[in-house]
Amino acid sequence: MGGFQNVREEKTKRARTFYKMYALGNDYIYFDCFFRRITNPSALAVRLCDRRRSVGGDGVILIEKSRAADAKMRIFNADGSEAETCGNGVRCVGKFLHDFKGLQKTLIYVETGAGIVQLQLFLNDKNQTQSVKVRLSAPRFSPEKLPVTLPPDGNGKIVARPVRIGGKTFEITCVSMGNPHCVTFDKAAFCAFDTLGKQIETAPIFPERTNAEFVTINARNDFSVRVYERGSGETSACGTGACAVAAAAIENGFADKNADIAVRMKGGVLTVKITNDAVYLTGEARFAYTGKIRTE
């Protein structure tokens, strides 16, 4: 795969260009690392993501060369931890590759820590990416895939399992979308989001921490969600979180396979469709601005 213009970044050693992009308000700071590496991305993410004293963002995403796909994406949360994948972030990677890097394709493949994902780009009349459909691997429910230390049920899953965290008892469904998610449809838990989010993320049953989604059921195949992302706190949207909510809703009998499922987050609505072998996530990809900053 290929087709990129062989254009190097600026040669200056002290500053390099970053791109601020967002998907439903889930904003990341992107760096083109095709020809120039960033040596300490964890520390850079901590420094740049502060919203009062720096650029501000939910994390930093590096776009690198890949031998297996059109590009490779690495994600670093606001606390410097590295994540496996990001459903919203990868849509903006697709936009960057097409709109800024000159990859004139509407079907793009991106390597992530959770495997290769397929992106279908939808362009506007200016030949710019407006929205992106992401094809992700099917959700996984086995506890060791998250991981979570709770024993599985008879189907090898953790669905509607009562737990006690932060002094409250509520039901959770655990889903891996290449990264871990803990989904609850409990109304009392939803109301306690501000305290429970961090408590669920760091609960001992999740040895590698987890993302947490708090869901209100609006109607069948229609949900409102607040999301607490591992390493970033509350964000306005989360792509893999929306997929995890849809998958958990199907397991709990609140939604249907092969149907468009609306997942409403603070930043807007994501559409998820789950088939027997894949998950399809569709949503916007937006460019905010570009700038230069010292990374070393």
Protein backbone atom coordinates (compact mmCIF):
# COMPACT_ATOMS: atom_id res chain seq x y z
CA MET A 1 0.00 0.00 0.00
CA GLY A 2 1.18 3.53 -0.52
CA GLY A 3 0.62 6.50 -2.76
CA PHE A 4 1.87 9.24 -0.47
CA GLN A 5 3.59 12.31 -1.73
CA ASN A 6 7.24 12.04 -0.70
CA VAL A 7 7.24 15.31 1.17
CA ARG A 8 9.24 15.64 4.38
CA GLU A 9 8.19 17.72 7.35
CA GLU A 10 9.96 20.93 8.15
CA LYS A 11 13.66 20.46 8.79
CA THR A 12 13.84 22.61 11.88
CA LYS A 13 14.97 20.61 14.91
CA ARG A 14 13.29 22.73 17.53
CA ALA A 15 9.70 22.84 16.33
CA ARG A 16 7.38 20.61 14.41
CA THR A 17 3.89 20.85 13.03
CA PHE A 18 0.90 19.42 14.87
CA TYR A 19 -2.68 19.03 13.67
CA LYS A 20 -5.62 19.51 16.01
CA MET A 21 -8.58 17.38 14.90
CA TYR A 22 -11.72 16.14 16.55
CA ALA A 23 -14.63 13.74 16.14
CA LEU A 24 -17.76 14.70 18.09
CA GLY A 25 -15.59 16.84 20.32
CA ASN A 26 -13.24 13.95 21.14
CA ASP A 27 -10.10 15.92 20.27
CA TYR A 28 -6.54 14.76 19.73
CA ILE A 29 -3.24 16.35 18.78
CA TYR A 30 -1.82 14.61 15.71
CA PHE A 31 1.79 14.39 14.55
CA ASP A 32 3.08 13.19 11.18
CA CYS A 33 5.83 10.74 12.15
CA PHE A 34 6.47 9.23 8.71
CA PHE A 35 9.96 10.69 8.50
CA ARG A 36 10.70 11.96 12.00
CA ARG A 37 10.07 10.10 15.22
CA ILE A 38 9.00 11.51 18.58
CA THR A 39 11.28 10.04 21.22
CA ASN A 40 9.13 10.44 24.34
CA PRO A 41 5.45 10.58 23.32
CA SER A 42 4.16 9.79 26.82
CA ALA A 43 5.76 12.87 28.34
CA LEU A 44 4.71 14.94 25.33
CA ALA A 45 1.08 13.91 25.79
CA VAL A 46 1.10 14.95 29.44
CA ARG A 47 2.60 18.32 28.51
CA LEU A 48 0.38 19.11 25.52
CA CYS A 49 -3.01 17.87 26.71
CA ASP A 50 -3.36 20.32 29.59
CA ARG A 51 -6.31 22.52 28.56
CA ARG A 52 -5.31 25.58 30.57
CA ARG A 53 -1.58 25.75 30.02
CA SER A 54 -1.01 24.06 26.67
CA VAL A 55 -2.68 23.02 23.41
CA GLY A 56 -5.33 20.89 25.15
CA GLY A 57 -6.71 17.54 24.05
CA ASP A 58 -7.85 14.08 25.07
CA GLY A 59 -4.52 12.70 23.91
CA VAL A 60 -1.74 12.66 21.33
CA ILE A 61 -1.82 10.48 18.21
CA LEU A 62 1.28 9.65 16.18
CA ILE A 63 0.81 8.72 12.52
CA GLU A 64 3.67 6.48 11.41
CA LYS A 65 4.70 4.26 8.51
CA SER A 66 3.36 0.72 8.43
CA ARG A 67 4.49 -2.36 6.54
CA ALA A 68 1.02 -3.88 6.79
CA ALA A 69 -1.31 -0.93 6.10
CA ASP A 70 -1.44 2.61 4.73
CA ALA A 71 -0.29 3.98 8.08
CA LYS A 72 0.14 3.08 11.73
CA MET A 73 -1.55 4.92 14.60
CA ARG A 74 -0.22 5.16 18.15
CA ILE A 75 -2.43 6.73 20.84
CA PHE A 76 -1.24 8.31 24.09
CA ASN A 77 -3.84 9.39 26.63
CA ALA A 78 -3.71 12.67 28.51
CA ASP A 79 -1.95 10.94 31.43
CA GLY A 80 0.77 9.57 29.12
CA SER A 81 -0.45 5.97 29.03
CA GLU A 82 -0.59 4.27 25.64
CA ALA A 83 -3.92 2.93 24.40
CA GLU A 84 -4.49 0.09 21.97
CA THR A 85 -6.98 1.79 19.66
CA CYS A 86 -9.42 4.70 19.35
CA GLY A 87 -12.56 4.65 17.20
CA ASN A 88 -12.88 8.42 17.00
CA GLY A 89 -9.16 9.09 16.65
CA VAL A 90 -8.71 6.66 13.77
CA ARG A 91 -11.39 8.46 11.73
CA CYS A 92 -9.33 11.63 11.92
CA VAL A 93 -6.24 9.64 10.93
CA GLY A 94 -8.12 8.72 7.77
CA LYS A 95 -8.97 12.38 7.18
CA PHE A 96 -5.34 13.38 7.70
CA LEU A 97 -4.04 10.76 5.26
CA HIS A 98 -6.49 11.82 2.54
CA ASP A 99 -6.81 15.57 3.05
CA PHE A 100 -3.29 16.49 4.19
CA LYS A 101 -0.99 13.64 3.19
CA GLY A 102 -2.29 13.26 -0.35
CA LEU A 103 -3.47 9.65 -0.18
CA GLN A 104 -6.20 9.78 -2.82
CA LYS A 105 -8.19 6.75 -1.77
CA THR A 106 -11.53 6.45 0.00
CA LEU A 107 -10.81 2.97 1.35
CA ILE A 108 -7.90 3.19 3.78
CA TYR A 109 -6.29 0.70 6.18
CA VAL A 110 -4.70 1.77 9.47
CA GLU A 111 -2.64 -0.40 11.78
CA THR A 112 -3.45 -0.01 15.49
CA GLY A 113 -2.37 -1.78 18.65
CA ALA A 114 -5.53 -3.87 18.36
CA GLY A 115 -5.02 -4.82 14.71
CA ILE A 116 -5.71 -3.33 11.28
CA VAL A 117 -8.94 -1.40 10.80
CA GLN A 118 -10.62 -0.46 7.54
CA LEU A 119 -11.84 3.10 6.92
CA GLN A 120 -14.36 4.13 4.29
CA LEU A 121 -14.19 7.88 3.69
CA PHE A 122 -17.15 10.00 2.61
CA LEU A 123 -16.07 13.21 0.87
CA ASN A 124 -17.77 16.57 0.41
CA ASP A 125 -17.90 18.57 -2.84
CA LYS A 126 -14.45 20.01 -2.06
CA ASN A 127 -12.88 16.52 -2.02
CA GLN A 128 -12.40 16.74 1.74
CA THR A 129 -13.29 14.04 4.25
CA GLN A 130 -16.63 14.74 5.90
CA SER A 131 -17.32 11.48 7.74
CA VAL A 132 -15.79 8.02 8.04
CA LYS A 133 -17.13 4.50 8.51
CA VAL A 134 -14.75 2.31 10.52
CA ARG A 135 -14.81 -1.48 10.30
CA LEU A 136 -13.63 -2.97 13.58
CA SER A 137 -13.25 -6.56 14.70
CA ALA A 138 -16.18 -8.22 16.44
CA PRO A 139 -16.51 -7.49 20.17
CA ARG A 140 -14.99 -9.99 22.58
CA PHE A 141 -16.52 -10.86 25.94
CA SER A 142 -14.18 -13.40 27.54
CA PRO A 143 -12.75 -11.98 30.80
CA GLU A 144 -9.13 -12.63 29.87
CA LYS A 145 -9.48 -10.46 26.76
CA LEU A 146 -10.11 -7.26 28.74
CA PRO A 147 -8.71 -8.33 31.24
CA VAL A 148 -11.08 -8.53 34.21
CA THR A 149 -10.65 -10.91 37.14
CA LEU A 150 -14.35 -11.78 37.58
CA PRO A 151 -15.26 -15.39 36.72
CA PRO A 152 -17.26 -15.80 33.49
CA ASP A 153 -20.87 -16.96 33.35
CA GLY A 154 -22.00 -20.15 31.63
CA ASN A 155 -21.50 -18.50 28.22
CA GLY A 156 -17.95 -17.41 29.02
CA LYS A 157 -18.99 -13.77 29.42
CA ILE A 158 -19.67 -11.11 32.05
CA VAL A 159 -23.13 -9.77 31.24
CA ALA A 160 -25.39 -7.93 33.73
CA ARG A 161 -23.05 -9.01 36.53
CA PRO A 162 -23.71 -7.36 39.94
CA VAL A 163 -20.58 -5.74 41.41
CA ARG A 164 -19.92 -3.39 44.30
CA ILE A 165 -17.62 -0.46 43.55
CA GLY A 166 -17.37 2.85 45.40
CA GLY A 167 -19.92 1.76 47.97
CA LYS A 168 -22.59 1.10 45.31
CA THR A 169 -23.91 -2.15 43.87
CA PHE A 170 -24.85 -2.18 40.18
CA GLU A 171 -24.71 -4.43 37.12
CA ILE A 172 -21.91 -4.32 34.56
CA THR A 173 -21.24 -5.88 31.17
CA CYS A 174 -17.59 -6.21 30.14
CA VAL A 175 -16.60 -5.87 26.48
CA SER A 176 -13.29 -5.71 24.64
CA MET A 177 -13.13 -3.66 21.45
CA GLY A 178 -9.36 -4.14 21.31
CA ASN A 179 -9.35 -2.04 24.49
CA PRO A 180 -11.34 -2.72 27.70
CA HIS A 181 -14.83 -1.38 28.42
CA CYS A 182 -17.17 -1.68 31.37
CA VAL A 183 -20.78 -0.82 30.48
CA THR A 184 -23.61 -0.24 32.94
CA PHE A 185 -27.29 0.44 32.24
CA ASP A 186 -27.97 1.09 35.93
CA LYS A 187 -29.75 4.43 36.51
CA ALA A 188 -28.26 4.90 39.98
CA ALA A 189 -24.77 4.41 38.58
CA PHE A 190 -25.50 6.93 35.80
CA CYS A 191 -26.45 9.51 38.42
CA ALA A 192 -23.21 8.84 40.32
CA PHE A 193 -21.02 9.24 37.23
CA ASP A 194 -18.87 12.03 38.67
CA THR A 195 -17.54 9.79 41.44
CA LEU A 196 -17.96 6.33 39.95
CA GLY A 197 -16.09 6.99 36.70
CA LYS A 198 -12.64 7.05 38.24
CA GLN A 199 -13.55 4.33 40.75
CA ILE A 200 -14.56 1.93 37.98
CA GLU A 201 -11.51 2.78 35.87
CA THR A 202 -9.17 1.88 38.73
CA ALA A 203 -11.18 -0.90 40.39
CA PRO A 204 -9.00 -3.90 41.38
CA ILE A 205 -11.06 -6.23 39.17
CA PHE A 206 -9.53 -4.42 36.15
CA PRO A 207 -5.76 -5.03 36.46
CA GLU A 208 -5.02 -2.86 33.40
CA ARG A 209 -7.77 -0.33 34.21
CA THR A 210 -10.82 0.11 31.99
CA ASN A 211 -12.97 2.60 30.09
CA ALA A 212 -16.41 3.04 31.67
CA GLU A 213 -19.70 3.78 29.91
CA PHE A 214 -22.85 4.87 31.79
CA VAL A 215 -25.96 4.34 29.66
CA THR A 216 -29.54 5.58 29.63
CA ILE A 217 -31.98 3.65 27.41
CA ASN A 218 -34.04 6.05 25.27
CA ALA A 219 -35.70 3.39 23.10
CA ARG A 220 -34.72 0.14 21.46
CA ASN A 221 -31.50 0.73 19.52
CA ASP A 222 -31.21 4.27 20.95
CA PHE A 223 -29.03 5.17 23.93
CA SER A 224 -27.53 8.17 25.72
CA VAL A 225 -24.07 7.70 27.20
CA ARG A 226 -21.55 9.39 29.43
CA VAL A 227 -18.07 7.96 29.05
CA TYR A 228 -15.09 7.97 31.39
CA GLU A 229 -12.01 7.09 29.35
CA ARG A 230 -9.07 5.26 30.80
CA GLY A 231 -6.25 7.75 31.25
CA SER A 232 -8.25 10.80 30.08
CA GLY A 233 -11.31 11.11 32.33
CA GLU A 234 -14.68 12.20 30.95
CA THR A 235 -14.62 12.91 27.22
CA SER A 236 -17.34 14.24 24.94
CA ALA A 237 -17.36 11.04 22.89
CA CYS A 238 -15.61 7.70 22.50
CA GLY A 239 -15.77 5.61 19.34
CA THR A 240 -14.85 2.24 20.80
CA GLY A 241 -17.03 3.11 23.78
CA ALA A 242 -20.01 3.57 21.47
CA CYS A 243 -19.29 0.16 19.94
CA ALA A 244 -18.99 -1.40 23.40
CA VAL A 245 -22.35 0.11 24.40
CA ALA A 246 -24.01 -1.31 21.28
CA ALA A 247 -22.48 -4.72 21.88
CA ALA A 248 -23.50 -4.72 25.55
CA ALA A 249 -27.02 -3.59 24.64
CA ILE A 250 -27.39 -6.52 22.26
CA GLU A 251 -26.18 -8.95 24.94
CA ASN A 252 -28.67 -7.48 27.43
CA GLY A 253 -31.57 -7.61 24.98
CA PHE A 254 -31.89 -3.83 24.51
CA ALA A 255 -30.75 -3.67 20.85
CA ASP A 256 -30.59 -5.76 17.69
CA LYS A 257 -27.82 -7.12 15.51
CA ASN A 258 -27.67 -5.89 11.91
CA ALA A 259 -29.53 -2.70 12.91
CA ASP A 260 -28.36 0.92 13.10
CA ILE A 261 -27.85 1.70 16.79
CA ALA A 262 -27.77 5.37 17.81
CA VAL A 263 -25.31 6.14 20.60
CA ARG A 264 -25.77 9.71 21.82
CA MET A 265 -22.83 11.29 23.62
CA LYS A 266 -22.09 14.82 24.78
CA GLY A 267 -20.43 15.65 21.46
CA GLY A 268 -23.10 14.19 19.19
CA VAL A 269 -24.42 10.92 17.80
CA LEU A 270 -22.46 7.92 16.56
CA THR A 271 -24.07 5.16 14.51
CA VAL A 272 -23.03 1.58 15.22
CA LYS A 273 -24.01 -1.61 13.38
CA ILE A 274 -22.90 -5.00 14.65
CA THR A 275 -22.94 -8.09 12.44
CA ASN A 276 -21.78 -11.62 13.22
CA ASP A 277 -18.19 -10.87 12.26
CA ALA A 278 -17.60 -7.12 12.49
CA VAL A 279 -18.57 -3.77 14.01
CA TYR A 280 -19.23 -0.70 11.85
CA LEU A 281 -18.87 2.76 13.39
CA THR A 282 -19.84 5.88 11.44
CA GLY A 283 -19.27 9.49 12.45
CA GLU A 284 -17.73 12.83 11.59
CA ALA A 285 -14.04 13.73 11.28
CA ARG A 286 -13.13 17.41 11.64
CA PHE A 287 -10.01 19.55 11.33
CA ALA A 288 -9.63 22.40 13.83
CA TYR A 289 -6.25 24.04 13.23
CA THR A 290 -2.54 23.43 12.82
CA GLY A 291 0.41 24.91 14.66
CA LYS A 292 4.05 24.40 15.60
CA ILE A 293 5.45 23.35 18.94
CA ARG A 294 8.70 22.11 20.44
CA THR A 295 8.56 18.36 21.09
CA GLU A 296 12.08 17.85 22.48
